[in-house]
Amino acid sequence: MAGRDHGPYYGPILTCLGCGDSWSCGERLERPFRRAWRRDAIVDARRDWDVAGRHARAEYRAWLDAELAAVFTGFDRAVEDVPLPEGGAA
């Protein structure tokens, strides 16, 4: 599967490198009504896969560690309870 992210308002589109079908947000997208759509979709998906690059395990691990560190910064501190606003629904 090769994917493309189309920004914050639309889910990523994943295309199967074997059959050319595409999915977004868990649902298969509509198939085009034209000849050779499957071949074209596979060629486009393989191009996207190649553009994304193949990285060595150490490069990928370094990237993943940096991403996780950015996401989990500050999670080791204790969290204080925040009181609910007055008059809020229970």
PDB file of N, CA and C in Angstrom:
ATOM      1  N   MET A   1       0.841  -1.171   0.000  1.00  0.00           N
ATOM      2  CA  MET A   1       0.000   0.000   0.000  1.00  0.00           C
ATOM      3  C   MET A   1       0.892   1.242   0.000  1.00  0.00           C
ATOM      4  N   ALA A   2       0.549   2.161  -0.842  1.00  0.00           N
ATOM      5  CA  ALA A   2       1.231   3.449  -0.870  1.00  0.00           C
ATOM      6  C   ALA A   2       0.167   4.502  -0.586  1.00  0.00           C
ATOM      7  N   GLY A   3       0.530   5.546   0.128  1.00  0.00           N
ATOM      8  CA  GLY A   3      -0.466   6.533   0.501  1.00  0.00           C
ATOM      9  C   GLY A   3      -0.050   7.951   0.223  1.00  0.00           C
ATOM     10  N   ARG A   4      -1.065   8.793   0.176  1.00  0.00           N
ATOM     11  CA  ARG A   4      -0.875  10.242   0.034  1.00  0.00           C
ATOM     12  C   ARG A   4      -1.731  10.932   1.072  1.00  0.00           C
ATOM     13  N   ASP A   5      -1.172  11.955   1.689  1.00  0.00           N
ATOM     14  CA  ASP A   5      -1.936  12.741   2.652  1.00  0.00           C
ATOM     15  C   ASP A   5      -2.398  13.997   1.940  1.00  0.00           C
ATOM     16  N   HIS A   6      -3.691  14.264   2.012  1.00  0.00           N
ATOM     17  CA  HIS A   6      -4.254  15.405   1.288  1.00  0.00           C
ATOM     18  C   HIS A   6      -4.630  16.558   2.202  1.00  0.00           C
ATOM     19  N   GLY A   7      -3.888  16.735   3.276  1.00  0.00           N
ATOM     20  CA  GLY A   7      -4.106  17.879   4.148  1.00  0.00           C
ATOM     21  C   GLY A   7      -4.986  17.554   5.335  1.00  0.00           C
ATOM     22  N   PRO A   8      -5.212  18.554   6.183  1.00  0.00           N
ATOM     23  CA  PRO A   8      -5.923  18.317   7.443  1.00  0.00           C
ATOM     24  C   PRO A   8      -7.425  18.061   7.288  1.00  0.00           C
ATOM     25  N   TYR A   9      -8.012  18.395   6.165  1.00  0.00           N
ATOM     26  CA  TYR A   9      -9.466  18.270   6.031  1.00  0.00           C
ATOM     27  C   TYR A   9      -9.899  16.973   5.367  1.00  0.00           C
ATOM     28  N   TYR A  10      -8.985  16.255   4.772  1.00  0.00           N
ATOM     29  CA  TYR A  10      -9.313  15.009   4.088  1.00  0.00           C
ATOM     30  C   TYR A  10      -8.393  13.914   4.593  1.00  0.00           C
ATOM     31  N   GLY A  11      -8.908  12.700   4.678  1.00  0.00           N
ATOM     32  CA  GLY A  11      -8.089  11.582   5.119  1.00  0.00           C
ATOM     33  C   GLY A  11      -7.076  11.189   4.067  1.00  0.00           C
ATOM     34  N   PRO A  12      -6.051  10.457   4.478  1.00  0.00           N
ATOM     35  CA  PRO A  12      -5.072   9.984   3.498  1.00  0.00           C
ATOM     36  C   PRO A  12      -5.709   8.972   2.560  1.00  0.00           C
ATOM     37  N   ILE A  13      -5.198   8.906   1.364  1.00  0.00           N
ATOM     38  CA  ILE A  13      -5.673   7.928   0.378  1.00  0.00           C
ATOM     39  C   ILE A  13      -4.590   6.877   0.221  1.00  0.00           C
ATOM     40  N   LEU A  14      -4.960   5.617   0.474  1.00  0.00           N
ATOM     41  CA  LEU A  14      -4.039   4.496   0.345  1.00  0.00           C
ATOM     42  C   LEU A  14      -4.410   3.705  -0.893  1.00  0.00           C
ATOM     43  N   THR A  15      -3.417   3.370  -1.700  1.00  0.00           N
ATOM     44  CA  THR A  15      -3.646   2.607  -2.928  1.00  0.00           C
ATOM     45  C   THR A  15      -2.845   1.315  -2.865  1.00  0.00           C
ATOM     46  N   CYS A  16      -3.508   0.210  -3.192  1.00  0.00           N
ATOM     47  CA  CYS A  16      -2.866  -1.099  -3.204  1.00  0.00           C
ATOM     48  C   CYS A  16      -1.934  -1.196  -4.412  1.00  0.00           C
ATOM     49  N   LEU A  17      -0.692  -1.610  -4.153  1.00  0.00           N
ATOM     50  CA  LEU A  17       0.277  -1.761  -5.236  1.00  0.00           C
ATOM     51  C   LEU A  17       0.003  -2.995  -6.082  1.00  0.00           C
ATOM     52  N   GLY A  18      -0.881  -3.870  -5.620  1.00  0.00           N
ATOM     53  CA  GLY A  18      -1.184  -5.083  -6.361  1.00  0.00           C
ATOM     54  C   GLY A  18      -2.406  -4.958  -7.251  1.00  0.00           C
ATOM     55  N   CYS A  19      -3.500  -4.366  -6.706  1.00  0.00           N
ATOM     56  CA  CYS A  19      -4.756  -4.341  -7.477  1.00  0.00           C
ATOM     57  C   CYS A  19      -5.165  -2.945  -7.942  1.00  0.00           C
ATOM     58  N   GLY A  20      -4.578  -1.885  -7.371  1.00  0.00           N
ATOM     59  CA  GLY A  20      -4.894  -0.531  -7.807  1.00  0.00           C
ATOM     60  C   GLY A  20      -6.086   0.099  -7.111  1.00  0.00           C
ATOM     61  N   ASP A  21      -6.824  -0.665  -6.289  1.00  0.00           N
ATOM     62  CA  ASP A  21      -7.941  -0.077  -5.541  1.00  0.00           C
ATOM     63  C   ASP A  21      -7.408   0.893  -4.503  1.00  0.00           C
ATOM     64  N   SER A  22      -8.199   1.922  -4.198  1.00  0.00           N
ATOM     65  CA  SER A  22      -7.803   2.933  -3.216  1.00  0.00           C
ATOM     66  C   SER A  22      -8.817   2.996  -2.092  1.00  0.00           C
ATOM     67  N   TRP A  23      -8.323   3.339  -0.896  1.00  0.00           N
ATOM     68  CA  TRP A  23      -9.171   3.491   0.271  1.00  0.00           C
ATOM     69  C   TRP A  23      -8.864   4.809   0.954  1.00  0.00           C
ATOM     70  N   SER A  24      -9.893   5.372   1.593  1.00  0.00           N
ATOM     71  CA  SER A  24      -9.735   6.566   2.411  1.00  0.00           C
ATOM     72  C   SER A  24     -10.713   6.473   3.571  1.00  0.00           C
ATOM     73  N   CYS A  25     -10.219   6.705   4.765  1.00  0.00           N
ATOM     74  CA  CYS A  25     -11.052   6.660   5.985  1.00  0.00           C
ATOM     75  C   CYS A  25     -11.784   5.326   6.117  1.00  0.00           C
ATOM     76  N   GLY A  26     -11.133   4.249   5.733  1.00  0.00           N
ATOM     77  CA  GLY A  26     -11.697   2.922   5.910  1.00  0.00           C
ATOM     78  C   GLY A  26     -12.662   2.460   4.835  1.00  0.00           C
ATOM     79  N   GLU A  27     -12.888   3.255   3.818  1.00  0.00           N
ATOM     80  CA  GLU A  27     -13.817   2.863   2.762  1.00  0.00           C
ATOM     81  C   GLU A  27     -13.114   2.873   1.405  1.00  0.00           C
ATOM     82  N   ARG A  28     -13.491   1.893   0.577  1.00  0.00           N
ATOM     83  CA  ARG A  28     -12.913   1.830  -0.759  1.00  0.00           C
ATOM     84  C   ARG A  28     -13.481   2.958  -1.605  1.00  0.00           C
ATOM     85  N   LEU A  29     -12.605   3.617  -2.332  1.00  0.00           N
ATOM     86  CA  LEU A  29     -13.042   4.705  -3.199  1.00  0.00           C
ATOM     87  C   LEU A  29     -13.670   4.153  -4.471  1.00  0.00           C
ATOM     88  N   GLU A  30     -14.439   4.975  -5.116  1.00  0.00           N
ATOM     89  CA  GLU A  30     -15.095   4.593  -6.362  1.00  0.00           C
ATOM     90  C   GLU A  30     -14.057   4.302  -7.433  1.00  0.00           C
ATOM     91  N   ARG A  31     -14.333   3.281  -8.226  1.00  0.00           N
ATOM     92  CA  ARG A  31     -13.424   2.939  -9.327  1.00  0.00           C
ATOM     93  C   ARG A  31     -13.769   3.779 -10.548  1.00  0.00           C
ATOM     94  N   PRO A  32     -12.743   4.297 -11.239  1.00  0.00           N
ATOM     95  CA  PRO A  32     -13.012   5.105 -12.430  1.00  0.00           C
ATOM     96  C   PRO A  32     -13.654   4.266 -13.538  1.00  0.00           C
ATOM     97  N   PHE A  33     -14.469   4.899 -14.341  1.00  0.00           N
ATOM     98  CA  PHE A  33     -15.109   4.222 -15.470  1.00  0.00           C
ATOM     99  C   PHE A  33     -14.313   4.542 -16.729  1.00  0.00           C
ATOM    100  N   ARG A  34     -13.157   3.894 -16.858  1.00  0.00           N
ATOM    101  CA  ARG A  34     -12.320   4.076 -18.036  1.00  0.00           C
ATOM    102  C   ARG A  34     -11.379   2.893 -18.162  1.00  0.00           C
ATOM    103  N   ARG A  35     -10.886   2.696 -19.360  1.00  0.00           N
ATOM    104  CA  ARG A  35      -9.957   1.603 -19.611  1.00  0.00           C
ATOM    105  C   ARG A  35      -8.625   1.857 -18.928  1.00  0.00           C
ATOM    106  N   ALA A  36      -8.009   0.788 -18.490  1.00  0.00           N
ATOM    107  CA  ALA A  36      -6.649   0.792 -17.940  1.00  0.00           C
ATOM    108  C   ALA A  36      -6.512   1.596 -16.652  1.00  0.00           C
ATOM    109  N   TRP A  37      -7.605   1.847 -15.946  1.00  0.00           N
ATOM    110  CA  TRP A  37      -7.504   2.610 -14.699  1.00  0.00           C
ATOM    111  C   TRP A  37      -6.669   1.861 -13.664  1.00  0.00           C
ATOM    112  N   ARG A  38      -6.813   0.523 -13.653  1.00  0.00           N
ATOM    113  CA  ARG A  38      -6.097  -0.281 -12.665  1.00  0.00           C
ATOM    114  C   ARG A  38      -4.587  -0.175 -12.882  1.00  0.00           C
ATOM    115  N   ARG A  39      -4.163  -0.334 -14.133  1.00  0.00           N
ATOM    116  CA  ARG A  39      -2.740  -0.228 -14.464  1.00  0.00           C
ATOM    117  C   ARG A  39      -2.211   1.154 -14.098  1.00  0.00           C
ATOM    118  N   ASP A  40      -2.960   2.206 -14.454  1.00  0.00           N
ATOM    119  CA  ASP A  40      -2.522   3.570 -14.155  1.00  0.00           C
ATOM    120  C   ASP A  40      -2.436   3.819 -12.652  1.00  0.00           C
ATOM    121  N   ALA A  41      -3.403   3.288 -11.897  1.00  0.00           N
ATOM    122  CA  ALA A  41      -3.400   3.485 -10.447  1.00  0.00           C
ATOM    123  C   ALA A  41      -2.196   2.788  -9.813  1.00  0.00           C
ATOM    124  N   ILE A  42      -1.867   1.595 -10.307  1.00  0.00           N
ATOM    125  CA  ILE A  42      -0.714   0.868  -9.773  1.00  0.00           C
ATOM    126  C   ILE A  42       0.581   1.599 -10.103  1.00  0.00           C
ATOM    127  N   VAL A  43       0.694   2.099 -11.322  1.00  0.00           N
ATOM    128  CA  VAL A  43       1.898   2.856 -11.714  1.00  0.00           C
ATOM    129  C   VAL A  43       2.046   4.102 -10.838  1.00  0.00           C
ATOM    130  N   ASP A  44       0.955   4.837 -10.624  1.00  0.00           N
ATOM    131  CA  ASP A  44       1.007   6.042  -9.779  1.00  0.00           C
ATOM    132  C   ASP A  44       1.373   5.698  -8.338  1.00  0.00           C
ATOM    133  N   ALA A  45       0.794   4.615  -7.812  1.00  0.00           N
ATOM    134  CA  ALA A  45       1.080   4.219  -6.433  1.00  0.00           C
ATOM    135  C   ALA A  45       2.536   3.786  -6.283  1.00  0.00           C
ATOM    136  N   ARG A  46       3.060   3.060  -7.263  1.00  0.00           N
ATOM    137  CA  ARG A  46       4.470   2.656  -7.198  1.00  0.00           C
ATOM    138  C   ARG A  46       5.395   3.872  -7.262  1.00  0.00           C
ATOM    139  N   ARG A  47       5.023   4.869  -8.055  1.00  0.00           N
ATOM    140  CA  ARG A  47       5.816   6.100  -8.114  1.00  0.00           C
ATOM    141  C   ARG A  47       5.807   6.789  -6.751  1.00  0.00           C
ATOM    142  N   ASP A  48       4.620   6.875  -6.112  1.00  0.00           N
ATOM    143  CA  ASP A  48       4.533   7.475  -4.777  1.00  0.00           C
ATOM    144  C   ASP A  48       5.379   6.713  -3.772  1.00  0.00           C
ATOM    145  N   TRP A  49       5.368   5.372  -3.880  1.00  0.00           N
ATOM    146  CA  TRP A  49       6.159   4.530  -2.983  1.00  0.00           C
ATOM    147  C   TRP A  49       7.647   4.825  -3.156  1.00  0.00           C
ATOM    148  N   ASP A  50       8.090   4.955  -4.406  1.00  0.00           N
ATOM    149  CA  ASP A  50       9.499   5.238  -4.671  1.00  0.00           C
ATOM    150  C   ASP A  50       9.894   6.633  -4.213  1.00  0.00           C
ATOM    151  N   VAL A  51       8.998   7.597  -4.386  1.00  0.00           N
ATOM    152  CA  VAL A  51       9.285   8.970  -3.960  1.00  0.00           C
ATOM    153  C   VAL A  51       9.415   9.046  -2.440  1.00  0.00           C
ATOM    154  N   ALA A  52       8.610   8.247  -1.739  1.00  0.00           N
ATOM    155  CA  ALA A  52       8.672   8.243  -0.270  1.00  0.00           C
ATOM    156  C   ALA A  52      10.031   7.765   0.216  1.00  0.00           C
ATOM    157  N   GLY A  53      10.677   6.928  -0.562  1.00  0.00           N
ATOM    158  CA  GLY A  53      12.033   6.499  -0.238  1.00  0.00           C
ATOM    159  C   GLY A  53      12.076   5.240   0.594  1.00  0.00           C
ATOM    160  N   ARG A  54      13.193   4.596   0.486  1.00  0.00           N
ATOM    161  CA  ARG A  54      13.461   3.421   1.312  1.00  0.00           C
ATOM    162  C   ARG A  54      14.609   3.794   2.236  1.00  0.00           C
ATOM    163  N   HIS A  55      14.393   3.604   3.490  1.00  0.00           N
ATOM    164  CA  HIS A  55      15.379   4.034   4.473  1.00  0.00           C
ATOM    165  C   HIS A  55      15.945   2.828   5.209  1.00  0.00           C
ATOM    166  N   ALA A  56      17.175   2.970   5.649  1.00  0.00           N
ATOM    167  CA  ALA A  56      17.790   1.925   6.458  1.00  0.00           C
ATOM    168  C   ALA A  56      17.078   1.875   7.805  1.00  0.00           C
ATOM    169  N   ARG A  57      17.146   0.722   8.458  1.00  0.00           N
ATOM    170  CA  ARG A  57      16.480   0.535   9.754  1.00  0.00           C
ATOM    171  C   ARG A  57      16.932   1.596  10.759  1.00  0.00           C
ATOM    172  N   ALA A  58      18.224   1.911  10.783  1.00  0.00           N
ATOM    173  CA  ALA A  58      18.740   2.899  11.743  1.00  0.00           C
ATOM    174  C   ALA A  58      18.173   4.290  11.465  1.00  0.00           C
ATOM    175  N   GLU A  59      18.051   4.671  10.194  1.00  0.00           N
ATOM    176  CA  GLU A  59      17.462   5.977   9.852  1.00  0.00           C
ATOM    177  C   GLU A  59      16.008   6.047  10.289  1.00  0.00           C
ATOM    178  N   TYR A  60      15.247   4.977  10.004  1.00  0.00           N
ATOM    179  CA  TYR A  60      13.841   4.942  10.395  1.00  0.00           C
ATOM    180  C   TYR A  60      13.709   4.995  11.906  1.00  0.00           C
ATOM    181  N   ARG A  61      14.535   4.253  12.629  1.00  0.00           N
ATOM    182  CA  ARG A  61      14.460   4.235  14.092  1.00  0.00           C
ATOM    183  C   ARG A  61      14.771   5.613  14.662  1.00  0.00           C
ATOM    184  N   ALA A  62      15.757   6.303  14.110  1.00  0.00           N
ATOM    185  CA  ALA A  62      16.090   7.654  14.578  1.00  0.00           C
ATOM    186  C   ALA A  62      14.921   8.604  14.339  1.00  0.00           C
ATOM    187  N   TRP A  63      14.280   8.513  13.168  1.00  0.00           N
ATOM    188  CA  TRP A  63      13.124   9.358  12.880  1.00  0.00           C
ATOM    189  C   TRP A  63      11.975   9.046  13.828  1.00  0.00           C
ATOM    190  N   LEU A  64      11.691   7.760  14.034  1.00  0.00           N
ATOM    191  CA  LEU A  64      10.596   7.358  14.919  1.00  0.00           C
ATOM    192  C   LEU A  64      10.849   7.804  16.350  1.00  0.00           C
ATOM    193  N   ASP A  65      12.068   7.656  16.836  1.00  0.00           N
ATOM    194  CA  ASP A  65      12.407   8.099  18.190  1.00  0.00           C
ATOM    195  C   ASP A  65      12.209   9.603  18.346  1.00  0.00           C
ATOM    196  N   ALA A  66      12.595  10.381  17.341  1.00  0.00           N
ATOM    197  CA  ALA A  66      12.412  11.831  17.404  1.00  0.00           C
ATOM    198  C   ALA A  66      10.932  12.200  17.398  1.00  0.00           C
ATOM    199  N   GLU A  67      10.136  11.514  16.571  1.00  0.00           N
ATOM    200  CA  GLU A  67       8.695  11.784  16.537  1.00  0.00           C
ATOM    201  C   GLU A  67       8.040  11.446  17.868  1.00  0.00           C
ATOM    202  N   LEU A  68       8.377  10.298  18.435  1.00  0.00           N
ATOM    203  CA  LEU A  68       7.797   9.893  19.717  1.00  0.00           C
ATOM    204  C   LEU A  68       8.216  10.834  20.837  1.00  0.00           C
ATOM    205  N   ALA A  69       9.466  11.277  20.811  1.00  0.00           N
ATOM    206  CA  ALA A  69       9.934  12.214  21.835  1.00  0.00           C
ATOM    207  C   ALA A  69       9.154  13.524  21.761  1.00  0.00           C
ATOM    208  N   ALA A  70       8.876  13.977  20.544  1.00  0.00           N
ATOM    209  CA  ALA A  70       8.116  15.222  20.388  1.00  0.00           C
ATOM    210  C   ALA A  70       6.677  15.058  20.876  1.00  0.00           C
ATOM    211  N   VAL A  71       6.084  13.906  20.616  1.00  0.00           N
ATOM    212  CA  VAL A  71       4.694  13.672  20.998  1.00  0.00           C
ATOM    213  C   VAL A  71       4.552  13.508  22.505  1.00  0.00           C
ATOM    214  N   PHE A  72       5.486  12.797  23.123  1.00  0.00           N
ATOM    215  CA  PHE A  72       5.342  12.453  24.534  1.00  0.00           C
ATOM    216  C   PHE A  72       6.095  13.373  25.477  1.00  0.00           C
ATOM    217  N   THR A  73       6.555  14.508  25.017  1.00  0.00           N
ATOM    218  CA  THR A  73       7.254  15.453  25.881  1.00  0.00           C
ATOM    219  C   THR A  73       6.298  15.928  26.970  1.00  0.00           C
ATOM    220  N   GLY A  74       6.726  15.795  28.208  1.00  0.00           N
ATOM    221  CA  GLY A  74       5.923  16.276  29.335  1.00  0.00           C
ATOM    222  C   GLY A  74       4.946  15.254  29.887  1.00  0.00           C
ATOM    223  N   PHE A  75       4.856  14.077  29.296  1.00  0.00           N
ATOM    224  CA  PHE A  75       3.920  13.077  29.800  1.00  0.00           C
ATOM    225  C   PHE A  75       4.435  12.385  31.053  1.00  0.00           C
ATOM    226  N   ASP A  76       5.687  12.612  31.417  1.00  0.00           N
ATOM    227  CA  ASP A  76       6.216  11.970  32.614  1.00  0.00           C
ATOM    228  C   ASP A  76       5.872  12.754  33.883  1.00  0.00           C
ATOM    229  N   ARG A  77       5.295  13.939  33.748  1.00  0.00           N
ATOM    230  CA  ARG A  77       4.920  14.744  34.907  1.00  0.00           C
ATOM    231  C   ARG A  77       3.535  14.344  35.389  1.00  0.00           C
ATOM    232  N   ALA A  78       3.292  14.542  36.664  1.00  0.00           N
ATOM    233  CA  ALA A  78       1.983  14.226  37.243  1.00  0.00           C
ATOM    234  C   ALA A  78       0.948  15.218  36.714  1.00  0.00           C
ATOM    235  N   VAL A  79      -0.232  14.715  36.505  1.00  0.00           N
ATOM    236  CA  VAL A  79      -1.326  15.551  36.014  1.00  0.00           C
ATOM    237  C   VAL A  79      -2.213  15.939  37.182  1.00  0.00           C
ATOM    238  N   GLU A  80      -2.517  17.208  37.291  1.00  0.00           N
ATOM    239  CA  GLU A  80      -3.380  17.672  38.372  1.00  0.00           C
ATOM    240  C   GLU A  80      -4.822  17.657  37.899  1.00  0.00           C
ATOM    241  N   ASP A  81      -5.726  17.361  38.838  1.00  0.00           N
ATOM    242  CA  ASP A  81      -7.152  17.400  38.500  1.00  0.00           C
ATOM    243  C   ASP A  81      -7.570  18.840  38.273  1.00  0.00           C
ATOM    244  N   VAL A  82      -8.356  19.048  37.256  1.00  0.00           N
ATOM    245  CA  VAL A  82      -8.859  20.383  36.940  1.00  0.00           C
ATOM    246  C   VAL A  82     -10.346  20.383  37.286  1.00  0.00           C
ATOM    247  N   PRO A  83     -10.779  21.306  38.132  1.00  0.00           N
ATOM    248  CA  PRO A  83     -12.195  21.316  38.500  1.00  0.00           C
ATOM    249  C   PRO A  83     -13.088  21.668  37.313  1.00  0.00           C
ATOM    250  N   LEU A  84     -14.251  21.066  37.261  1.00  0.00           N
ATOM    251  CA  LEU A  84     -15.215  21.379  36.221  1.00  0.00           C
ATOM    252  C   LEU A  84     -15.788  22.773  36.447  1.00  0.00           C
ATOM    253  N   PRO A  85     -16.155  23.485  35.399  1.00  0.00           N
ATOM    254  CA  PRO A  85     -16.750  24.813  35.575  1.00  0.00           C
ATOM    255  C   PRO A  85     -18.093  24.715  36.299  1.00  0.00           C
ATOM    256  N   GLU A  86     -18.407  25.732  37.064  1.00  0.00           N
ATOM    257  CA  GLU A  86     -19.688  25.760  37.780  1.00  0.00           C
ATOM    258  C   GLU A  86     -20.850  25.781  36.813  1.00  0.00           C
ATOM    259  N   GLY A  87     -21.917  25.075  37.152  1.00  0.00           N
ATOM    260  CA  GLY A  87     -23.109  25.084  36.321  1.00  0.00           C
ATOM    261  C   GLY A  87     -23.023  24.199  35.099  1.00  0.00           C
ATOM    262  N   GLY A  88     -21.943  23.429  34.966  1.00  0.00           N
ATOM    263  CA  GLY A  88     -21.791  22.535  33.820  1.00  0.00           C
ATOM    264  C   GLY A  88     -22.670  21.317  33.955  1.00  0.00           C
ATOM    265  N   ALA A  89     -22.981  20.695  32.842  1.00  0.00           N
ATOM    266  CA  ALA A  89     -23.797  19.483  32.868  1.00  0.00           C
ATOM    267  C   ALA A  89     -22.991  18.345  33.476  1.00  0.00           C
ATOM    268  N   ALA A  90     -23.655  17.544  34.272  1.00  0.00           N
ATOM    269  CA  ALA A  90     -22.978  16.434  34.954  1.00  0.00           C
ATOM    270  C   ALA A  90     -23.036  15.181  34.116  1.00  0.00           C
TER     271      ALA A  90
END
